[in-house]
C-alpha atoms as a PDB file:
ATOM      1  CA  MET A   1      26.778 -39.991 -18.113  1.00  0.00           C
ATOM      2  CA  PHE A   2      27.422 -36.668 -19.849  1.00  0.00           C
ATOM      3  CA  GLU A   3      23.883 -36.605 -21.289  1.00  0.00           C
ATOM      4  CA  PHE A   4      22.425 -37.234 -17.849  1.00  0.00           C
ATOM      5  CA  VAL A   5      24.375 -34.336 -16.314  1.00  0.00           C
ATOM      6  CA  LEU A   6      23.432 -32.098 -19.243  1.00  0.00           C
ATOM      7  CA  TRP A   7      19.692 -32.861 -18.974  1.00  0.00           C
ATOM      8  CA  VAL A   8      19.638 -32.546 -15.184  1.00  0.00           C
ATOM      9  CA  SER A   9      21.485 -29.223 -15.219  1.00  0.00           C
ATOM     10  CA  THR A  10      19.209 -27.939 -18.005  1.00  0.00           C
ATOM     11  CA  GLY A  11      16.168 -29.027 -16.015  1.00  0.00           C
ATOM     12  CA  LEU A  12      17.456 -27.299 -12.894  1.00  0.00           C
ATOM     13  CA  VAL A  13      18.102 -24.050 -14.796  1.00  0.00           C
ATOM     14  CA  VAL A  14      14.630 -24.128 -16.358  1.00  0.00           C
ATOM     15  CA  ALA A  15      13.019 -24.931 -12.979  1.00  0.00           C
ATOM     16  CA  GLY A  16      14.929 -22.064 -11.361  1.00  0.00           C
ATOM     17  CA  LEU A  17      13.805 -19.613 -14.047  1.00  0.00           C
ATOM     18  CA  LEU A  18      10.196 -20.775 -13.726  1.00  0.00           C
ATOM     19  CA  ALA A  19      10.292 -20.340  -9.943  1.00  0.00           C
ATOM     20  CA  PHE A  20      11.820 -16.867 -10.313  1.00  0.00           C
ATOM     21  CA  TRP A  21       9.198 -15.796 -12.856  1.00  0.00           C
ATOM     22  CA  TRP A  22       6.351 -17.260 -10.787  1.00  0.00           C
ATOM     23  CA  ARG A  23       7.462 -15.393  -7.646  1.00  0.00           C
ATOM     24  CA  ARG A  24       7.842 -12.134  -9.589  1.00  0.00           C
ATOM     25  CA  ASP A  25       4.405 -12.618 -11.159  1.00  0.00           C
ATOM     26  CA  ALA A  26       2.862 -13.244  -7.734  1.00  0.00           C
ATOM     27  CA  ARG A  27       4.474 -10.050  -6.378  1.00  0.00           C
ATOM     28  CA  GLU A  28       3.260  -8.048  -9.379  1.00  0.00           C
ATOM     29  CA  ARG A  29      -0.295  -9.390  -8.923  1.00  0.00           C
ATOM     30  CA  LYS A  30      -0.224  -8.237  -5.277  1.00  0.00           C
ATOM     31  CA  GLU A  31       1.008  -4.809  -6.336  1.00  0.00           C
ATOM     32  CA  VAL A  32      -1.701  -4.485  -9.005  1.00  0.00           C
ATOM     33  CA  GLU A  33      -4.387  -5.482  -6.494  1.00  0.00           C
ATOM     34  CA  LEU A  34      -3.099  -2.878  -4.028  1.00  0.00           C
ATOM     35  CA  CYS A  35      -3.153  -0.280  -6.828  1.00  0.00           C
ATOM     36  CA  ARG A  36      -6.766  -1.219  -7.667  1.00  0.00           C
ATOM     37  CA  ARG A  37      -7.796  -0.854  -4.032  1.00  0.00           C
ATOM     38  CA  TRP A  38      -6.073   2.562  -3.859  1.00  0.00           C
ATOM     39  CA  ALA A  39      -7.843   3.710  -7.046  1.00  0.00           C
ATOM     40  CA  ALA A  40     -11.168   2.474  -5.666  1.00  0.00           C
ATOM     41  CA  ALA A  41     -10.543   4.467  -2.490  1.00  0.00           C
ATOM     42  CA  THR A  42      -9.342   7.686  -4.119  1.00  0.00           C
ATOM     43  CA  VAL A  43     -10.995   7.955  -7.524  1.00  0.00           C
ATOM     44  CA  TRP A  44     -14.020   5.665  -7.617  1.00  0.00           C
ATOM     45  CA  ASN A  45     -15.267   6.132  -4.057  1.00  0.00           C
ATOM     46  CA  SER A  46     -18.957   7.082  -3.943  1.00  0.00           C
ATOM     47  CA  ASP A  47     -18.925   8.046  -0.249  1.00  0.00           C
ATOM     48  CA  PRO A  48     -18.422  11.837  -0.056  1.00  0.00           C
ATOM     49  CA  SER A  49     -17.523  11.668   3.640  1.00  0.00           C
ATOM     50  CA  ALA A  50     -14.717   9.130   3.094  1.00  0.00           C
ATOM     51  CA  LYS A  51     -11.158  10.427   3.068  1.00  0.00           C
ATOM     52  CA  ILE A  52      -7.698   8.871   2.916  1.00  0.00           C
ATOM     53  CA  VAL A  53      -5.736   9.929   5.974  1.00  0.00           C
ATOM     54  CA  VAL A  54      -2.243   9.041   7.129  1.00  0.00           C
ATOM     55  CA  ILE A  55      -1.319   7.955  10.626  1.00  0.00           C
ATOM     56  CA  ALA A  56       1.228  10.630  11.521  1.00  0.00           C
ATOM     57  CA  ARG A  57       2.287   9.171  14.881  1.00  0.00           C
ATOM     58  CA  THR A  58       1.056   6.839  17.574  1.00  0.00           C
ATOM     59  CA  VAL A  59       1.303   6.978  21.338  1.00  0.00           C
ATOM     60  CA  GLY A  60      -0.204   3.944  23.013  1.00  0.00           C
ATOM     61  CA  ASP A  61      -3.694   3.485  21.605  1.00  0.00           C
ATOM     62  CA  VAL A  62      -3.982   7.117  20.461  1.00  0.00           C
ATOM     63  CA  ALA A  63      -3.176   7.750  16.806  1.00  0.00           C
ATOM     64  CA  SER A  64      -2.700  11.144  15.244  1.00  0.00           C
ATOM     65  CA  LEU A  65      -4.484  11.114  11.854  1.00  0.00           C
ATOM     66  CA  SER A  66      -3.774  13.766   9.239  1.00  0.00           C
ATOM     67  CA  ASP A  67      -5.321  14.566   5.877  1.00  0.00           C
ATOM     68  CA  GLY A  68      -2.664  17.140   5.032  1.00  0.00           C
ATOM     69  CA  VAL A  69      -4.706  20.027   6.430  1.00  0.00           C
ATOM     70  CA  VAL A  70      -6.035  18.966   9.817  1.00  0.00           C
ATOM     71  CA  GLU A  71      -4.548  16.586  12.374  1.00  0.00           C
ATOM     72  CA  ILE A  72      -6.900  14.684  14.704  1.00  0.00           C
ATOM     73  CA  ASN A  73      -6.022  12.550  17.708  1.00  0.00           C
ATOM     74  CA  ALA A  74      -8.177   9.436  17.578  1.00  0.00           C
ATOM     75  CA  VAL A  75      -8.417   6.453  19.892  1.00  0.00           C
ATOM     76  CA  SER A  76      -8.123   3.080  18.210  1.00  0.00           C
ATOM     77  CA  THR A  77     -10.606   0.545  19.475  1.00  0.00           C
ATOM     78  CA  PRO A  78      -9.474  -2.989  20.359  1.00  0.00           C
ATOM     79  CA  ASP A  79     -11.608  -4.461  17.559  1.00  0.00           C
ATOM     80  CA  SER A  80      -9.983  -2.202  14.947  1.00  0.00           C
ATOM     81  CA  PRO A  81      -9.394  -4.061  11.669  1.00  0.00           C
ATOM     82  CA  VAL A  82      -5.923  -2.605  11.189  1.00  0.00           C
ATOM     83  CA  ALA A  83      -2.838  -2.418  13.349  1.00  0.00           C
ATOM     84  CA  VAL A  84      -2.209   1.224  14.182  1.00  0.00           C
ATOM     85  CA  GLU A  85       1.304   2.064  12.995  1.00  0.00           C
ATOM     86  CA  ALA A  86       2.755   5.387  11.894  1.00  0.00           C
ATOM     87  CA  GLY A  87       2.927   5.882   8.135  1.00  0.00           C
ATOM     88  CA  TRP A  88      -0.050   3.695   7.224  1.00  0.00           C
ATOM     89  CA  TYR A  89      -2.897   5.149   5.172  1.00  0.00           C
ATOM     90  CA  LEU A  90      -6.510   4.603   6.215  1.00  0.00           C
ATOM     91  CA  LEU A  91      -9.699   5.096   4.226  1.00  0.00           C
ATOM     92  CA  VAL A  92     -11.953   6.598   6.899  1.00  0.00           C
ATOM     93  CA  THR A  93     -15.631   7.348   6.473  1.00  0.00           C
ATOM     94  CA  GLY A  94     -17.103  10.306   8.310  1.00  0.00           C
ATOM     95  CA  TRP A  95     -13.875  12.344   8.276  1.00  0.00           C
ATOM     96  CA  ALA A  96     -15.625  15.740   8.022  1.00  0.00           C
ATOM     97  CA  ASP A  97     -17.861  14.950  11.007  1.00  0.00           C
ATOM     98  CA  ALA A  98     -14.883  13.710  13.024  1.00  0.00           C
ATOM     99  CA  ARG A  99     -12.954  16.867  12.174  1.00  0.00           C
ATOM    100  CA  ASP A 100     -15.857  19.032  13.376  1.00  0.00           C
ATOM    101  CA  ARG A 101     -16.206  17.017  16.601  1.00  0.00           C
ATOM    102  CA  ALA A 102     -12.455  17.275  17.244  1.00  0.00           C
ATOM    103  CA  GLU A 103     -12.592  21.058  16.872  1.00  0.00           C
ATOM    104  CA  ARG A 104     -15.285  21.116  19.571  1.00  0.00           C
ATOM    105  CA  GLY A 105     -13.018  19.068  21.839  1.00  0.00           C
ATOM    106  CA  GLU A 106     -14.920  15.764  21.731  1.00  0.00           C
ATOM    107  CA  PRO A 107     -12.917  12.521  21.796  1.00  0.00           C
ATOM    108  CA  ILE A 108     -12.753  10.684  18.482  1.00  0.00           C
ATOM    109  CA  ALA A 109     -12.697   6.889  18.160  1.00  0.00           C
ATOM    110  CA  PHE A 110     -12.437   5.039  14.859  1.00  0.00           C
ATOM    111  CA  GLY A 111     -13.549   1.415  14.884  1.00  0.00           C
ATOM    112  CA  PRO A 112     -14.237  -1.213  12.243  1.00  0.00           C
ATOM    113  CA  GLY A 113     -17.339   0.655  11.056  1.00  0.00           C
ATOM    114  CA  GLU A 114     -15.394   3.791  10.155  1.00  0.00           C
ATOM    115  CA  ILE A 115     -12.162   2.287   8.757  1.00  0.00           C
ATOM    116  CA  LEU A 116     -13.043   0.983   5.300  1.00  0.00           C
ATOM    117  CA  ASP A 117      -9.556   0.006   4.132  1.00  0.00           C
ATOM    118  CA  SER A 118      -5.885   0.349   5.042  1.00  0.00           C
ATOM    119  CA  PHE A 119      -2.783   0.713   2.907  1.00  0.00           C
ATOM    120  CA  PRO A 120       0.931   0.254   3.705  1.00  0.00           C
ATOM    121  CA  PRO A 121       3.236   3.300   3.702  1.00  0.00           C
ATOM    122  CA  HIS A 122       4.725   2.641   0.251  1.00  0.00           C
ATOM    123  CA  THR A 123       1.368   2.652  -1.581  1.00  0.00           C
ATOM    124  CA  PRO A 124       1.452   6.134  -3.215  1.00  0.00           C
ATOM    125  CA  GLU A 125       4.942   5.518  -4.636  1.00  0.00           C
ATOM    126  CA  LEU A 126       3.846   2.081  -5.876  1.00  0.00           C
ATOM    127  CA  VAL A 127       0.788   3.555  -7.596  1.00  0.00           C
ATOM    128  CA  ASP A 128       2.930   6.219  -9.250  1.00  0.00           C
ATOM    129  CA  ARG A 129       5.416   3.594 -10.440  1.00  0.00           C
ATOM    130  CA  LEU A 130       2.704   1.321 -11.856  1.00  0.00           C
ATOM    131  CA  ARG A 131       1.076   4.260 -13.654  1.00  0.00           C
ATOM    132  CA  GLY A 132       4.370   5.263 -15.247  1.00  0.00           C
ATOM    133  CA  ARG A 133       5.088   8.276 -13.059  1.00  0.00           C
ATOM    134  CA  GLY A 134       7.779   8.732 -10.474  1.00  0.00           C
ATOM    135  CA  ASP A 135      11.192   7.137 -10.191  1.00  0.00           C
ATOM    136  CA  ARG A 136      11.719   3.812 -11.968  1.00  0.00           C
ATOM    137  CA  PRO A 137      14.782   1.649 -11.521  1.00  0.00           C
ATOM    138  CA  PRO A 138      16.291   0.493 -14.824  1.00  0.00           C
ATOM    139  CA  GLY A 139      15.558  -3.020 -16.026  1.00  0.00           C
ATOM    140  CA  LEU A 140      18.061  -5.846 -16.323  1.00  0.00           C
ATOM    141  CA  ALA A 141      18.677  -5.401 -20.061  1.00  0.00           C
ATOM    142  CA  SER A 142      19.335  -1.669 -19.777  1.00  0.00           C
ATOM    143  CA  ARG A 143      21.717  -2.206 -16.862  1.00  0.00           C
ATOM    144  CA  LEU A 144      23.659  -4.885 -18.725  1.00  0.00           C
ATOM    145  CA  LEU A 145      23.854  -2.902 -21.971  1.00  0.00           C
ATOM    146  CA  GLY A 146      24.338   0.472 -20.300  1.00  0.00           C
ATOM    147  CA  LEU A 147      21.272   1.934 -22.026  1.00  0.00           C
ATOM    148  CA  ARG A 148      19.043   4.521 -20.451  1.00  0.00           C
ATOM    149  CA  GLY A 149      15.284   4.647 -20.723  1.00  0.00           C
ATOM    150  CA  LEU A 150      14.547   0.943 -21.202  1.00  0.00           C
END
């Protein structure tokens, strides 16, 4: 009976560790894919009119988009590929033209043709963490041993 309990408990511990590692690996794969999409949008983008903008605030179906210099009020169309929520980042093509039209007072609408990709609010911090910059929480071993820098 003791051997049975020993083997079952060992099997349960190993199965629990495998499930934990599999879930962590799946989360890390999602994070790496998001980082690749961000790099493709910021560094490797061949469209000179494309720009990453942040949704500063939303009121109804009007979103205020900002690139850090200019803020444009844009109407989101019903067939928009992304839910318009404050804090999200959008890769928008034709940003310079939209900025010029907004200065003239024309209404701006971004639909599925202009929004190339969308990113959740935590993306820049995630990219910095995966590239070794920014604030990193200590790992399990360093917390248990009280070491810094591991």
